């Protein structure tokens, strides 16, 4: 097979998009630590809010377990803490 002059151009055209993709990936991945710090600093990330959210989720799961175990329509039941 003879050497074709179009090979270097074809290789270059194929390598350019790959190189650009790698450069973009490096540029975006470089800010990963900053993004994690921003997420940690968001409101609601403190231990008190997390404990409150956990307690709320526990109450919801208890209500769902009770609803799954009964034949009653718990959606129509009067809730004692409703004002």
Protein backbone atom coordinates (compact mmCIF):
# COMPACT_ATOMS: atom_id res chain seq x y z
CA UNK A 1 0.00 0.00 0.00
CA UNK A 2 1.45 3.32 -1.06
CA UNK A 3 1.84 6.28 1.25
CA UNK A 4 -1.09 8.62 0.88
CA UNK A 5 -0.59 12.33 1.50
CA UNK A 6 -4.07 12.64 3.00
CA UNK A 7 -3.18 10.56 6.09
CA UNK A 8 -1.56 13.37 8.12
CA UNK A 9 -4.51 15.66 7.45
CA UNK A 10 -6.98 12.95 8.41
CA UNK A 11 -5.09 12.19 11.61
CA UNK A 12 -4.97 15.88 12.47
CA UNK A 13 -8.72 16.28 11.86
CA UNK A 14 -9.40 13.31 14.09
CA UNK A 15 -7.05 14.41 16.85
CA UNK A 16 -8.28 18.00 17.14
CA UNK A 17 -11.77 17.20 18.53
CA UNK A 18 -10.27 14.69 20.97
CA UNK A 19 -7.72 17.25 22.17
CA UNK A 20 -10.39 19.94 22.55
CA UNK A 21 -12.56 17.54 24.53
CA UNK A 22 -9.68 16.71 26.85
CA UNK A 23 -8.89 20.39 27.38
CA UNK A 24 -12.51 21.16 28.23
CA UNK A 25 -12.65 18.22 30.60
CA UNK A 26 -9.50 19.38 32.40
CA UNK A 27 -10.86 22.92 32.64
CA UNK A 28 -14.16 21.75 34.12
CA UNK A 29 -12.66 19.11 36.42
CA UNK A 30 -10.23 21.69 37.78
CA UNK A 31 -13.10 23.45 39.59
CA UNK A 32 -14.32 20.28 41.31
CA UNK A 33 -12.84 21.19 44.70
CA UNK A 34 -14.38 24.64 44.52
CA UNK A 35 -17.77 23.13 43.66
CA UNK A 36 -17.58 20.78 46.63
CA UNK A 37 -16.74 23.66 48.96
CA UNK A 38 -19.71 25.62 47.60
CA UNK A 39 -22.02 22.68 48.22
CA UNK A 40 -20.77 22.32 51.79
CA UNK A 41 -21.36 26.02 52.46
CA UNK A 42 -25.00 25.97 51.33
CA UNK A 43 -27.70 26.67 53.89
CA UNK A 44 -29.19 23.55 55.42
CA UNK A 45 -25.88 21.75 55.53
CA UNK A 46 -25.29 22.32 59.23
CA UNK A 47 -25.76 19.41 61.68
CA UNK A 48 -28.92 20.86 63.27
CA UNK A 49 -30.72 21.13 59.93
CA UNK A 50 -29.59 17.66 58.92
CA UNK A 51 -30.90 16.21 62.21
CA UNK A 52 -34.22 17.97 61.73
CA UNK A 53 -34.48 16.68 58.16
CA UNK A 54 -33.62 13.15 59.34
CA UNK A 55 -36.34 13.31 62.01
CA UNK A 56 -38.86 14.54 59.44
CA UNK A 57 -37.97 11.66 57.12
CA UNK A 58 -38.36 9.19 59.99
CA UNK A 59 -41.86 10.51 60.72
CA UNK A 60 -42.83 10.19 57.07
CA UNK A 61 -41.49 6.63 56.91
CA UNK A 62 -43.42 5.71 60.08
CA UNK A 63 -46.63 7.06 58.52
CA UNK A 64 -45.95 5.13 55.29
CA UNK A 65 -45.28 1.90 57.20
CA UNK A 66 -48.51 2.35 59.15
CA UNK A 67 -50.44 3.01 55.94
CA UNK A 68 -48.97 -0.12 54.34
CA UNK A 69 -49.90 -2.31 57.29
CA UNK A 70 -53.57 -1.24 57.61
CA UNK A 71 -56.58 -1.67 55.42
CA UNK A 72 -57.91 1.76 56.38
CA UNK A 73 -57.68 4.74 54.10
CA UNK A 74 -55.16 6.72 56.11
CA UNK A 75 -55.44 9.70 53.78
CA UNK A 76 -58.98 10.33 55.07
CA UNK A 77 -58.08 9.78 58.73
CA UNK A 78 -58.08 12.80 61.04
CA UNK A 79 -54.58 13.69 62.09
CA UNK A 80 -54.34 14.56 65.79
CA UNK A 81 -51.77 17.32 65.29
CA UNK A 82 -53.72 19.12 62.56
CA UNK A 83 -54.93 22.53 63.78
